[in-house]
Each structure stands twice: as structure tokens, then as C-alpha cells.
N, C-alpha and C. Protein backbone atom coordinates (compact mmCIF):
# COMPACT_ATOMS: atom_id res chain seq x y z
N UNK A 1 96.70 119.18 101.50
CA UNK A 1 97.81 119.87 102.13
C UNK A 1 98.14 121.14 101.40
N UNK A 2 97.12 121.97 101.26
CA UNK A 2 97.36 123.26 100.70
C UNK A 2 97.75 123.17 99.24
N UNK A 3 98.72 124.03 98.83
CA UNK A 3 99.14 124.09 97.42
C UNK A 3 100.04 123.01 96.99
N UNK A 4 100.54 122.21 97.88
CA UNK A 4 101.46 121.10 97.56
C UNK A 4 100.67 119.92 96.97
N UNK A 5 101.04 119.51 95.78
CA UNK A 5 100.25 118.36 95.22
C UNK A 5 100.93 117.05 95.63
N UNK A 6 100.10 116.05 95.78
CA UNK A 6 100.61 114.72 96.13
C UNK A 6 101.23 114.09 94.94
N UNK A 7 102.49 113.69 95.00
CA UNK A 7 103.20 113.12 93.95
C UNK A 7 103.86 111.76 94.29
N UNK A 8 104.44 111.65 95.51
CA UNK A 8 105.23 110.47 95.81
C UNK A 8 104.55 109.78 97.02
N UNK A 9 104.32 108.48 96.83
CA UNK A 9 103.72 107.66 97.84
C UNK A 9 104.62 106.50 98.16
N UNK A 10 104.90 106.25 99.45
CA UNK A 10 105.64 105.11 99.92
C UNK A 10 104.67 104.16 100.60
N UNK A 11 104.64 102.90 100.13
CA UNK A 11 103.66 101.93 100.59
C UNK A 11 104.36 100.69 101.15
N UNK A 12 103.93 100.31 102.35
CA UNK A 12 104.46 99.08 102.98
C UNK A 12 103.32 98.12 103.31
N UNK A 13 103.48 96.90 102.85
CA UNK A 13 102.51 95.79 103.13
C UNK A 13 103.27 94.53 102.95
N UNK A 14 103.03 93.53 103.81
CA UNK A 14 103.74 92.23 103.73
C UNK A 14 103.07 91.31 102.77
N UNK A 15 101.93 91.70 102.16
CA UNK A 15 101.26 90.87 101.18
C UNK A 15 101.60 91.29 99.73
N UNK A 16 102.39 90.46 99.07
CA UNK A 16 102.86 90.83 97.71
C UNK A 16 101.75 91.24 96.75
N UNK A 17 100.57 90.58 96.86
CA UNK A 17 99.48 90.88 95.94
C UNK A 17 98.92 92.26 96.22
N UNK A 18 98.79 92.65 97.50
CA UNK A 18 98.30 93.98 97.88
C UNK A 18 99.26 95.02 97.36
N UNK A 19 100.59 94.74 97.55
CA UNK A 19 101.59 95.70 97.11
C UNK A 19 101.49 95.95 95.63
N UNK A 20 101.39 94.86 94.83
CA UNK A 20 101.36 94.98 93.40
C UNK A 20 100.10 95.68 92.88
N UNK A 21 99.00 95.25 93.36
CA UNK A 21 97.72 95.85 92.95
C UNK A 21 97.68 97.29 93.33
N UNK A 22 98.10 97.64 94.53
CA UNK A 22 98.11 99.02 95.06
C UNK A 22 99.06 99.88 94.22
N UNK A 23 100.30 99.37 93.93
CA UNK A 23 101.22 100.10 93.15
C UNK A 23 100.68 100.45 91.77
N UNK A 24 100.17 99.40 91.11
CA UNK A 24 99.60 99.63 89.74
C UNK A 24 98.50 100.65 89.79
N UNK A 25 97.56 100.49 90.72
CA UNK A 25 96.42 101.39 90.82
C UNK A 25 96.91 102.83 91.10
N UNK A 26 97.81 103.03 92.02
CA UNK A 26 98.25 104.38 92.38
C UNK A 26 99.08 105.02 91.21
N UNK A 27 99.82 104.22 90.54
CA UNK A 27 100.57 104.77 89.38
C UNK A 27 99.69 105.03 88.18
N UNK A 28 98.87 104.03 87.85
CA UNK A 28 98.04 104.12 86.60
C UNK A 28 96.86 105.10 86.79
N UNK A 29 96.09 104.90 87.86
CA UNK A 29 94.90 105.68 88.08
C UNK A 29 95.25 107.05 88.69
N UNK A 30 96.12 107.05 89.68
CA UNK A 30 96.49 108.30 90.38
C UNK A 30 97.60 109.11 89.75
N UNK A 31 98.44 108.48 88.95
CA UNK A 31 99.58 109.17 88.39
C UNK A 31 100.67 109.47 89.37
N UNK A 32 100.69 108.73 90.47
CA UNK A 32 101.71 108.93 91.52
C UNK A 32 102.99 108.17 91.21
N UNK A 33 104.08 108.65 91.77
CA UNK A 33 105.34 107.88 91.81
C UNK A 33 105.25 107.07 93.09
N UNK A 34 105.34 105.76 92.92
CA UNK A 34 105.13 104.83 94.09
C UNK A 34 106.35 103.99 94.33
N UNK A 35 106.78 103.90 95.57
CA UNK A 35 107.80 102.93 96.02
C UNK A 35 107.14 101.99 96.96
N UNK A 36 107.44 100.70 96.84
CA UNK A 36 106.79 99.70 97.70
C UNK A 36 107.86 99.00 98.57
N UNK A 37 107.42 98.60 99.76
CA UNK A 37 108.24 97.93 100.73
C UNK A 37 107.45 96.76 101.28
N UNK A 38 108.14 95.67 101.57
CA UNK A 38 107.45 94.54 102.12
C UNK A 38 107.54 94.38 103.68
N UNK A 39 108.10 95.43 104.27
CA UNK A 39 108.17 95.37 105.77
C UNK A 39 108.34 96.78 106.31
N UNK A 40 108.09 96.93 107.61
CA UNK A 40 108.33 98.21 108.26
C UNK A 40 109.78 98.62 108.24
N UNK A 41 110.64 97.64 108.47
CA UNK A 41 112.10 97.94 108.46
C UNK A 41 112.53 98.48 107.08
N UNK A 42 112.02 97.83 106.02
CA UNK A 42 112.39 98.27 104.67
C UNK A 42 111.87 99.71 104.42
N UNK A 43 110.66 100.00 104.89
CA UNK A 43 110.12 101.36 104.79
C UNK A 43 111.03 102.37 105.44
N UNK A 44 111.44 102.08 106.66
CA UNK A 44 112.30 103.01 107.38
C UNK A 44 113.64 103.21 106.66
N UNK A 45 114.13 102.15 106.03
CA UNK A 45 115.38 102.23 105.29
C UNK A 45 115.26 103.11 104.01
N UNK A 46 114.12 102.93 103.33
CA UNK A 46 113.90 103.63 102.06
C UNK A 46 113.43 105.10 102.19
N UNK A 47 112.85 105.37 103.34
CA UNK A 47 112.23 106.68 103.59
C UNK A 47 113.10 107.83 103.28
N UNK A 48 114.35 107.92 103.83
CA UNK A 48 115.15 109.11 103.61
C UNK A 48 115.54 109.39 102.15
N UNK A 49 115.75 108.34 101.37
CA UNK A 49 116.12 108.53 99.97
C UNK A 49 114.92 108.81 99.08
N UNK A 50 113.81 108.17 99.32
CA UNK A 50 112.62 108.33 98.51
C UNK A 50 111.86 109.63 98.81
N UNK A 51 111.87 110.04 100.06
CA UNK A 51 111.25 111.29 100.49
C UNK A 51 109.79 111.43 100.02
N UNK A 52 108.93 110.54 100.46
CA UNK A 52 107.54 110.57 100.01
C UNK A 52 106.76 111.76 100.54
N UNK A 53 105.72 112.12 99.81
CA UNK A 53 104.77 113.13 100.32
C UNK A 53 103.81 112.54 101.34
N UNK A 54 103.56 111.20 101.12
CA UNK A 54 102.57 110.50 101.94
C UNK A 54 103.04 109.05 102.04
N UNK A 55 102.72 108.46 103.22
CA UNK A 55 103.13 107.07 103.48
C UNK A 55 101.85 106.24 103.78
N UNK A 56 101.80 105.05 103.22
CA UNK A 56 100.70 104.10 103.47
C UNK A 56 101.30 102.83 104.07
N UNK A 57 100.82 102.49 105.31
CA UNK A 57 101.42 101.37 106.06
C UNK A 57 100.33 100.37 106.43
N UNK A 58 100.58 99.10 106.17
CA UNK A 58 99.71 98.02 106.65
C UNK A 58 99.87 97.98 108.15
N UNK A 59 98.79 97.79 108.86
CA UNK A 59 98.81 97.75 110.32
C UNK A 59 99.51 96.52 110.84
N UNK A 60 99.19 95.35 110.21
CA UNK A 60 99.72 94.06 110.75
C UNK A 60 100.77 93.51 109.80
N UNK A 61 102.02 93.74 110.18
CA UNK A 61 103.11 93.10 109.44
C UNK A 61 104.00 92.33 110.45
N UNK A 62 104.61 91.28 110.03
CA UNK A 62 105.33 90.41 110.97
C UNK A 62 106.51 91.05 111.69
N UNK A 63 107.23 91.91 111.04
CA UNK A 63 108.45 92.50 111.64
C UNK A 63 108.17 93.66 112.55
N UNK A 64 107.19 94.46 112.19
CA UNK A 64 106.90 95.70 112.96
C UNK A 64 105.48 96.14 112.62
N UNK A 65 104.66 96.30 113.60
CA UNK A 65 103.28 96.75 113.39
C UNK A 65 103.28 98.19 112.87
N UNK A 66 102.21 98.51 112.13
CA UNK A 66 102.08 99.84 111.58
C UNK A 66 102.24 100.97 112.57
N UNK A 67 101.55 100.92 113.75
CA UNK A 67 101.79 102.04 114.72
C UNK A 67 103.22 102.21 115.16
N UNK A 68 103.95 101.11 115.26
CA UNK A 68 105.36 101.20 115.64
C UNK A 68 106.17 101.85 114.52
N UNK A 69 105.87 101.46 113.25
CA UNK A 69 106.51 102.12 112.14
C UNK A 69 106.23 103.62 112.13
N UNK A 70 104.98 103.99 112.32
CA UNK A 70 104.59 105.37 112.41
C UNK A 70 105.38 106.11 113.48
N UNK A 71 105.50 105.54 114.69
CA UNK A 71 106.23 106.19 115.78
C UNK A 71 107.70 106.40 115.37
N UNK A 72 108.29 105.45 114.69
CA UNK A 72 109.66 105.56 114.26
C UNK A 72 109.85 106.58 113.14
N UNK A 73 108.86 106.65 112.24
CA UNK A 73 108.90 107.63 111.17
C UNK A 73 108.88 109.06 111.80
N UNK A 74 108.04 109.24 112.81
CA UNK A 74 107.95 110.54 113.49
C UNK A 74 109.25 111.02 114.16
N UNK A 75 110.11 110.06 114.49
CA UNK A 75 111.38 110.42 115.12
C UNK A 75 112.46 110.81 114.16
N UNK A 76 112.24 110.50 112.90
CA UNK A 76 113.24 110.85 111.86
C UNK A 76 113.18 112.30 111.46
N UNK A 77 114.31 112.95 111.36
CA UNK A 77 114.36 114.33 110.95
C UNK A 77 113.67 114.53 109.59
N UNK A 78 112.77 115.53 109.56
CA UNK A 78 112.08 115.85 108.27
C UNK A 78 110.85 115.10 108.03
N UNK A 79 110.52 114.13 108.91
CA UNK A 79 109.28 113.33 108.58
C UNK A 79 108.24 113.38 109.70
N UNK A 80 108.41 114.33 110.61
CA UNK A 80 107.42 114.45 111.74
C UNK A 80 106.04 114.76 111.25
N UNK A 81 105.93 115.47 110.12
CA UNK A 81 104.61 115.89 109.63
C UNK A 81 104.16 115.19 108.38
N UNK A 82 104.90 114.22 107.96
CA UNK A 82 104.48 113.48 106.76
C UNK A 82 103.22 112.67 107.01
N UNK A 83 102.14 112.93 106.26
CA UNK A 83 100.91 112.17 106.51
C UNK A 83 101.08 110.66 106.31
N UNK A 84 100.46 109.92 107.19
CA UNK A 84 100.46 108.45 107.15
C UNK A 84 99.05 107.94 107.16
N UNK A 85 98.79 106.98 106.28
CA UNK A 85 97.52 106.32 106.17
C UNK A 85 97.76 104.84 106.48
N UNK A 86 96.93 104.28 107.38
CA UNK A 86 97.03 102.85 107.67
C UNK A 86 96.08 102.07 106.78
N UNK A 87 96.53 100.85 106.38
CA UNK A 87 95.71 99.87 105.74
C UNK A 87 95.45 98.77 106.78
N UNK A 88 94.20 98.33 106.88
CA UNK A 88 93.91 97.24 107.85
C UNK A 88 92.66 96.51 107.49
N UNK A 89 92.59 95.24 107.92
CA UNK A 89 91.38 94.46 107.79
C UNK A 89 90.53 94.55 109.04
N UNK A 90 91.04 95.24 110.06
CA UNK A 90 90.34 95.38 111.31
C UNK A 90 89.12 96.29 111.10
N UNK A 91 87.98 95.88 111.58
CA UNK A 91 86.79 96.71 111.45
C UNK A 91 86.19 97.12 112.81
N UNK A 92 86.85 96.82 113.89
CA UNK A 92 86.42 97.14 115.23
C UNK A 92 86.55 98.70 115.38
N UNK A 93 85.43 99.36 115.77
CA UNK A 93 85.42 100.81 115.88
C UNK A 93 86.45 101.37 116.85
N UNK A 94 86.64 100.69 117.98
CA UNK A 94 87.62 101.23 118.96
C UNK A 94 89.02 101.10 118.44
N UNK A 95 89.32 100.02 117.71
CA UNK A 95 90.67 99.85 117.13
C UNK A 95 90.91 100.90 116.07
N UNK A 96 89.89 101.12 115.23
CA UNK A 96 90.03 102.20 114.18
C UNK A 96 90.32 103.55 114.82
N UNK A 97 89.60 103.84 115.92
CA UNK A 97 89.83 105.09 116.65
C UNK A 97 91.24 105.15 117.16
N UNK A 98 91.73 104.06 117.74
CA UNK A 98 93.08 104.03 118.26
C UNK A 98 94.11 104.26 117.17
N UNK A 99 93.88 103.72 115.99
CA UNK A 99 94.80 103.94 114.89
C UNK A 99 94.79 105.42 114.45
N UNK A 100 93.64 106.04 114.39
CA UNK A 100 93.59 107.42 114.04
C UNK A 100 94.23 108.30 115.12
N UNK A 101 93.98 107.93 116.40
CA UNK A 101 94.52 108.66 117.52
C UNK A 101 96.06 108.57 117.61
N UNK A 102 96.63 107.50 116.98
CA UNK A 102 98.09 107.32 117.00
C UNK A 102 98.83 108.28 116.11
N UNK A 103 98.07 109.08 115.36
CA UNK A 103 98.68 110.06 114.52
C UNK A 103 98.45 109.84 113.03
N UNK A 104 97.68 108.84 112.66
CA UNK A 104 97.45 108.54 111.27
C UNK A 104 96.47 109.55 110.74
N UNK A 105 96.67 109.95 109.45
CA UNK A 105 95.71 110.89 108.82
C UNK A 105 94.35 110.18 108.61
N UNK A 106 94.38 108.88 108.35
CA UNK A 106 93.15 108.09 108.23
C UNK A 106 93.46 106.66 108.10
N UNK A 107 92.41 105.83 107.96
CA UNK A 107 92.61 104.39 107.86
C UNK A 107 91.73 103.91 106.70
N UNK A 108 92.34 103.11 105.84
CA UNK A 108 91.63 102.51 104.71
C UNK A 108 91.47 101.03 105.01
N UNK A 109 90.25 100.57 104.95
CA UNK A 109 89.92 99.17 105.24
C UNK A 109 90.21 98.23 104.05
N UNK A 110 90.75 97.09 104.36
CA UNK A 110 90.89 96.03 103.34
C UNK A 110 89.71 95.10 103.51
N UNK A 111 89.26 94.55 102.42
CA UNK A 111 89.69 94.79 101.06
C UNK A 111 89.17 96.11 100.57
N UNK A 112 89.93 96.77 99.68
CA UNK A 112 89.54 98.04 99.09
C UNK A 112 89.45 97.84 97.57
N UNK A 113 88.78 98.79 96.93
CA UNK A 113 88.67 98.78 95.47
C UNK A 113 89.85 99.45 94.88
N UNK A 114 90.73 98.72 94.18
CA UNK A 114 91.90 99.36 93.61
C UNK A 114 91.64 100.53 92.71
N UNK A 115 90.48 100.49 91.97
CA UNK A 115 90.14 101.56 91.10
C UNK A 115 89.81 102.88 91.80
N UNK A 116 89.44 102.81 93.06
CA UNK A 116 89.13 104.06 93.81
C UNK A 116 90.20 104.38 94.83
N UNK A 117 91.27 103.59 94.91
CA UNK A 117 92.30 103.79 95.94
C UNK A 117 92.97 105.15 95.76
N UNK A 118 93.33 105.53 94.56
CA UNK A 118 94.04 106.79 94.32
C UNK A 118 93.17 107.96 94.74
N UNK A 119 91.85 107.93 94.42
CA UNK A 119 90.94 108.97 94.79
C UNK A 119 90.76 109.05 96.29
N UNK A 120 90.71 107.88 96.89
CA UNK A 120 90.58 107.86 98.38
C UNK A 120 91.80 108.50 99.04
N UNK A 121 92.98 108.12 98.62
CA UNK A 121 94.22 108.61 99.16
C UNK A 121 94.30 110.13 98.87
N UNK A 122 93.98 110.53 97.65
CA UNK A 122 93.94 111.95 97.31
C UNK A 122 92.99 112.76 98.15
N UNK A 123 91.86 112.19 98.44
CA UNK A 123 90.87 112.89 99.32
C UNK A 123 91.40 113.02 100.76
N UNK A 124 92.06 112.02 101.26
CA UNK A 124 92.69 112.11 102.59
C UNK A 124 93.78 113.19 102.54
N UNK A 125 94.57 113.16 101.53
CA UNK A 125 95.67 114.14 101.36
C UNK A 125 95.08 115.58 101.41
N UNK A 126 93.99 115.79 100.63
CA UNK A 126 93.37 117.10 100.62
C UNK A 126 92.82 117.58 101.97
N UNK A 127 92.46 116.63 102.81
CA UNK A 127 91.84 116.94 104.07
C UNK A 127 92.84 117.16 105.24
N UNK A 128 94.10 116.80 104.96
CA UNK A 128 95.16 116.94 106.02
C UNK A 128 95.54 118.41 106.09
N UNK A 129 95.55 118.92 107.31
CA UNK A 129 95.96 120.32 107.58
C UNK A 129 97.46 120.40 107.55
N UNK A 130 97.96 121.55 107.15
CA UNK A 130 99.41 121.75 107.19
C UNK A 130 99.98 121.74 108.57
């Protein structure tokens, strides 16, 4: 995203292990400031105060699916252009295309390597146009 460096990541996933491993990897390896949420509703609540540079959302959460969370994020003042990356275990090509077409910057498949997660997210950040 141009000259702006990625610093703050807001991550939502309903699996506590994924949240913890991702948070540790992004903070330790990536040097990012990370806030974690266990639901889409919590993400929407924390978003205005945390003001992330980038949002990572699990596609399948019990309270609100990732695409719905993304649609709601886009309606909030100041967040229409915040890049969003989906996390999913879905490997169907048409579903991946639909996720990208919904406005996501990209999709990261689960399981992922925690040691390369920060680089992967950084690479997606660098490829997003202003």
C-alpha cells in the first residue's frame, strides 16, 4: 500500500488455537501490533478503537461468516478501503474466487505455516493498490 507500512493487524477466528498461534507469529516474526477477536461481532466492536491497517477474518465463524463481517466493515466510516484477508479451510476454486470477488485482498488457506504467515500477509499488503 505504497509508503504506508503495515503495523496494526486485527484478527478474528473462532478457534482459540489459531488465534494464539497467529498472534504470536505476527507479533514475533512480523513485528506487528495484533488484536485478536473470537467472533465477527467482537471484531466489529473493536474495529473503531483499534484502527487496524489490515484485517484478517476467518470465513466460517458461528455468529457471522467472514463475507458478512467484510460487508459490515465496508459500511463503517473510515474502513471502506481497509484491506481484508480471509482465512479458510475451503479449497474449492469457485469458492476461493467468490471470496476474492467479495472484496477481499486475498485468501490464506488453513492450515498455514505460522512461521511464514507474517511474510504472506506482508506480501499481500504490498500488492494492494491504494
